[in-house]
Each structure stands twice: as C-alpha cells, then as structure tokens.
Amino acid sequence: MTDSSRCPRCGQLNRCAQAGKAEAVEDCWCFHSPVDAAVLDSLPAEQRDRACLCPRCAQGLPVEPQGAD
C-alpha cells in the first residue's frame, strides 16, 4: 500500500495538502509550483498517481538521504 504523505521518488514527506483527505482541497504548494515532467516520467507505472512528489523532487533536484525531513 502506498503512503500518500510520502514522495514516491525519495520517500520524504511530500507536504501535500490532499494527502489522507477524502475531500478535495482548495490549495496546495503544488498548485503554484511547476513539476518537472522528466521526474514524473521516471517513476515506475505502479507509483504514478498514488502519491504526490515532494517540493524538492517536483523541481527535479537531487534526492536527499532518508531521514532528512
């Protein structure tokens, strides 16, 4: 099972306002930030549309070591 509060690329907290909520949210950091299409394309098919990327991964920045959240 996928943890919707964790980034599927690096495993850090994704700070998604929608994570774990049944109703749609009106605002989230990603509504105002571009997401690197290459990062989305690099995710395995089974990880897509299951959890949001974290802000760092969404920008295509290098993955930080686990435990840095």
C-alpha atoms as a PDB file:
ATOM      1  CA  MET A   1       0.000   0.000   0.000  1.00  0.00           C
ATOM      2  CA  THR A   2       1.267   3.488  -0.877  1.00  0.00           C
ATOM      3  CA  ASP A   3       1.674   6.117   1.842  1.00  0.00           C
ATOM      4  CA  SER A   4       0.120   9.219   0.242  1.00  0.00           C
ATOM      5  CA  SER A   5       2.050  11.505   2.614  1.00  0.00           C
ATOM      6  CA  ARG A   6       5.423  10.325   1.251  1.00  0.00           C
ATOM      7  CA  CYS A   7       7.127  11.218  -2.027  1.00  0.00           C
ATOM      8  CA  PRO A   8       7.281   8.184  -4.347  1.00  0.00           C
ATOM      9  CA  ARG A   9      10.723   9.270  -5.580  1.00  0.00           C
ATOM     10  CA  CYS A  10      12.638   9.902  -2.340  1.00  0.00           C
ATOM     11  CA  GLY A  11      10.338   8.734   0.494  1.00  0.00           C
ATOM     12  CA  GLN A  12      10.425  12.087   2.305  1.00  0.00           C
ATOM     13  CA  LEU A  13       7.228  13.822   3.467  1.00  0.00           C
ATOM     14  CA  ASN A  14       5.626  15.443   0.428  1.00  0.00           C
ATOM     15  CA  ARG A  15       3.764  18.194   2.323  1.00  0.00           C
ATOM     16  CA  CYS A  16       0.692  17.539   0.164  1.00  0.00           C
ATOM     17  CA  ALA A  17      -2.458  19.228   1.464  1.00  0.00           C
ATOM     18  CA  GLN A  18      -4.583  16.488  -0.142  1.00  0.00           C
ATOM     19  CA  ALA A  19      -2.737  13.506   1.389  1.00  0.00           C
ATOM     20  CA  GLY A  20      -5.054  11.419   3.539  1.00  0.00           C
ATOM     21  CA  LYS A  21      -8.130  13.540   2.871  1.00  0.00           C
ATOM     22  CA  ALA A  22     -11.275  12.246   1.169  1.00  0.00           C
ATOM     23  CA  GLU A  23     -12.487  15.676   0.022  1.00  0.00           C
ATOM     24  CA  ALA A  24     -10.618  17.853  -2.472  1.00  0.00           C
ATOM     25  CA  VAL A  25      -8.533  20.671  -1.012  1.00  0.00           C
ATOM     26  CA  GLU A  26      -8.615  24.207  -2.359  1.00  0.00           C
ATOM     27  CA  ASP A  27      -4.894  24.919  -2.145  1.00  0.00           C
ATOM     28  CA  CYS A  28      -1.557  23.107  -2.000  1.00  0.00           C
ATOM     29  CA  TRP A  29       2.057  24.100  -2.673  1.00  0.00           C
ATOM     30  CA  CYS A  30       1.940  22.217  -5.991  1.00  0.00           C
ATOM     31  CA  PHE A  31      -0.874  24.410  -7.315  1.00  0.00           C
ATOM     32  CA  HIS A  32       1.693  27.215  -7.545  1.00  0.00           C
ATOM     33  CA  SER A  33       4.884  25.340  -8.465  1.00  0.00           C
ATOM     34  CA  PRO A  34       5.935  23.711 -11.726  1.00  0.00           C
ATOM     35  CA  VAL A  35       6.571  19.967 -11.662  1.00  0.00           C
ATOM     36  CA  ASP A  36       9.447  18.564 -13.720  1.00  0.00           C
ATOM     37  CA  ALA A  37       7.864  16.294 -16.345  1.00  0.00           C
ATOM     38  CA  ALA A  38      11.056  14.207 -16.561  1.00  0.00           C
ATOM     39  CA  VAL A  39      10.703  13.299 -12.875  1.00  0.00           C
ATOM     40  CA  LEU A  40       7.110  12.162 -13.394  1.00  0.00           C
ATOM     41  CA  ASP A  41       8.160  10.129 -16.444  1.00  0.00           C
ATOM     42  CA  SER A  42      10.933   8.467 -14.429  1.00  0.00           C
ATOM     43  CA  LEU A  43       8.521   6.996 -11.861  1.00  0.00           C
ATOM     44  CA  PRO A  44       7.546   3.346 -12.330  1.00  0.00           C
ATOM     45  CA  ALA A  45       3.960   2.964 -13.588  1.00  0.00           C
ATOM     46  CA  GLU A  46       2.816   1.435 -10.276  1.00  0.00           C
ATOM     47  CA  GLN A  47       3.905   4.591  -8.396  1.00  0.00           C
ATOM     48  CA  ARG A  48       2.188   7.124 -10.644  1.00  0.00           C
ATOM     49  CA  ASP A  49      -0.985   8.854  -9.450  1.00  0.00           C
ATOM     50  CA  ARG A  50      -0.697   7.259  -5.985  1.00  0.00           C
ATOM     51  CA  ALA A  51       1.151   9.980  -4.020  1.00  0.00           C
ATOM     52  CA  CYS A  52       2.490  13.463  -4.700  1.00  0.00           C
ATOM     53  CA  LEU A  53       6.129  14.280  -5.155  1.00  0.00           C
ATOM     54  CA  CYS A  54       7.801  16.415  -2.502  1.00  0.00           C
ATOM     55  CA  PRO A  55       8.693  20.012  -3.455  1.00  0.00           C
ATOM     56  CA  ARG A  56      12.366  19.084  -3.929  1.00  0.00           C
ATOM     57  CA  CYS A  57      11.683  16.161  -6.270  1.00  0.00           C
ATOM     58  CA  ALA A  58       8.998  18.107  -8.133  1.00  0.00           C
ATOM     59  CA  GLN A  59      11.718  20.579  -9.101  1.00  0.00           C
ATOM     60  CA  GLY A  60      13.972  17.759 -10.305  1.00  0.00           C
ATOM     61  CA  LEU A  61      16.575  18.387  -7.586  1.00  0.00           C
ATOM     62  CA  PRO A  62      18.800  15.545  -6.335  1.00  0.00           C
ATOM     63  CA  VAL A  63      17.284  13.159  -3.814  1.00  0.00           C
ATOM     64  CA  GLU A  64      18.298  13.847  -0.198  1.00  0.00           C
ATOM     65  CA  PRO A  65      19.198  10.971   2.125  1.00  0.00           C
ATOM     66  CA  GLN A  66      16.340   9.352   4.099  1.00  0.00           C
ATOM     67  CA  GLY A  67      15.665  10.885   7.498  1.00  0.00           C
ATOM     68  CA  ALA A  68      16.252  14.455   6.317  1.00  0.00           C
ATOM     69  CA  ASP A  69      12.604  15.518   6.675  1.00  0.00           C
END
